Amino acid sequence: MESFNPKRPHRAIVRCKAKMQLLEMGFSADEESDPVDDALLKDLAAALFQSNQYHALNEQCQSKEANGAEGTLVNELVKTYQQISKRRQEPIVQRLNALL
């Protein structure tokens, strides 16, 4: 478990803010299920926090507050989530998922 440092963004906070932003936008992954796919959001956040972008932002946060970097990560997470969720509706993706 990572220790809390107020000068750098944290995965759970970024994920929570991204989910709140998606809900505020009225975004829905699937009408029949929860409005936001938490498992997908969690996987995307894990990948984002392993990326070079996160490491660069983390280094910048050593001397600054995390708010700016956090906002950047939240926006990236929301954008990626939306792209993946929209692709789920494409017929080819649905056929491939049906094969799985």
Protein backbone atom coordinates (compact mmCIF):
# COMPACT_ATOMS: atom_id res chain seq x y z
CA MET A 1 0.00 0.00 0.00
CA GLU A 2 1.34 3.40 -0.93
CA SER A 3 1.94 5.89 1.85
CA PHE A 4 0.00 9.14 1.78
CA ASN A 5 1.91 12.15 0.53
CA PRO A 6 -0.22 15.29 -0.02
CA LYS A 7 2.20 16.53 -2.69
CA ARG A 8 1.42 13.76 -5.17
CA PRO A 9 -1.74 12.35 -6.71
CA HIS A 10 -3.16 9.08 -5.38
CA ARG A 11 -4.92 6.41 -7.40
CA ALA A 12 -8.03 6.09 -5.20
CA ILE A 13 -8.58 9.85 -5.14
CA VAL A 14 -8.09 10.20 -8.90
CA ARG A 15 -10.41 7.24 -9.55
CA CYS A 16 -13.09 8.68 -7.23
CA LYS A 17 -12.90 12.12 -8.85
CA ALA A 18 -13.05 10.58 -12.33
CA LYS A 19 -16.14 8.58 -11.35
CA MET A 20 -17.77 11.70 -9.93
CA GLN A 21 -17.00 13.59 -13.14
CA LEU A 22 -18.47 10.78 -15.28
CA LEU A 23 -21.62 10.74 -13.15
CA GLU A 24 -21.94 14.54 -13.32
CA MET A 25 -21.67 14.34 -17.10
CA GLY A 26 -24.58 11.89 -17.11
CA PHE A 27 -22.35 9.26 -18.64
CA SER A 28 -23.73 5.73 -18.50
CA ALA A 29 -21.81 2.62 -19.51
CA ASP A 30 -24.92 0.47 -19.71
CA GLU A 31 -28.54 1.28 -18.96
CA GLU A 32 -29.12 -2.06 -17.23
CA SER A 33 -26.14 -2.00 -14.90
CA ASP A 34 -24.36 0.51 -12.72
CA PRO A 35 -23.81 3.89 -14.36
CA VAL A 36 -20.02 3.49 -14.23
CA ASP A 37 -18.10 0.25 -14.66
CA ASP A 38 -15.97 0.32 -11.49
CA ALA A 39 -13.81 -2.63 -12.55
CA LEU A 40 -12.90 -0.92 -15.83
CA LEU A 41 -12.21 2.36 -14.06
CA LYS A 42 -9.98 0.57 -11.53
CA ASP A 43 -8.01 -1.19 -14.29
CA LEU A 44 -7.59 2.05 -16.23
CA ALA A 45 -6.39 3.88 -13.13
CA ALA A 46 -3.86 1.13 -12.43
CA ALA A 47 -2.54 1.41 -15.99
CA LEU A 48 -2.45 5.21 -15.82
CA PHE A 49 -0.45 5.17 -12.59
CA GLN A 50 2.10 2.85 -14.21
CA SER A 51 2.51 5.14 -17.23
CA ASN A 52 5.34 7.51 -18.03
CA GLN A 53 2.85 10.39 -17.80
CA TYR A 54 2.19 9.63 -14.13
CA HIS A 55 5.89 9.34 -13.31
CA ALA A 56 6.59 12.70 -14.95
CA LEU A 57 3.72 14.35 -13.04
CA ASN A 58 4.84 12.69 -9.82
CA GLU A 59 8.31 14.17 -10.19
CA GLN A 60 6.83 17.63 -10.77
CA CYS A 61 4.77 17.24 -7.58
CA GLN A 62 7.83 16.93 -5.40
CA SER A 63 7.84 20.70 -5.01
CA LYS A 64 4.18 21.56 -5.78
CA GLU A 65 0.74 20.62 -4.56
CA ALA A 66 -0.88 17.62 -6.24
CA ASN A 67 -4.05 19.42 -7.33
CA GLY A 68 -2.85 20.31 -10.81
CA ALA A 69 -1.40 16.88 -11.48
CA GLU A 70 -4.49 15.24 -10.00
CA GLY A 71 -6.73 17.17 -12.36
CA THR A 72 -4.63 16.12 -15.33
CA LEU A 73 -4.83 12.47 -14.30
CA VAL A 74 -8.59 12.68 -13.66
CA ASN A 75 -9.16 14.17 -17.12
CA GLU A 76 -7.02 11.49 -18.76
CA LEU A 77 -8.84 8.73 -16.89
CA VAL A 78 -12.27 10.12 -17.84
CA LYS A 79 -11.28 10.53 -21.49
CA THR A 80 -9.90 6.99 -21.72
CA TYR A 81 -12.94 5.51 -19.95
CA GLN A 82 -15.30 7.29 -22.35
CA GLN A 83 -13.40 6.07 -25.41
CA ILE A 84 -13.45 2.47 -24.24
CA SER A 85 -17.10 2.60 -23.21
CA LYS A 86 -18.16 4.05 -26.56
CA ARG A 87 -16.23 1.35 -28.39
CA ARG A 88 -18.16 -1.32 -26.48
CA GLN A 89 -21.24 -0.31 -28.47
CA GLU A 90 -19.60 -0.96 -31.84
CA PRO A 91 -20.93 -4.11 -33.56
CA ILE A 92 -17.49 -5.62 -34.15
CA VAL A 93 -16.56 -5.23 -30.49
CA GLN A 94 -19.85 -6.79 -29.41
CA ARG A 95 -19.26 -9.75 -31.74
CA LEU A 96 -15.74 -10.25 -30.41
CA ASN A 97 -17.00 -10.08 -26.82
CA ALA A 98 -19.67 -12.64 -27.66
CA LEU A 99 -16.94 -15.01 -28.84
CA LEU A 100 -15.22 -14.74 -25.47
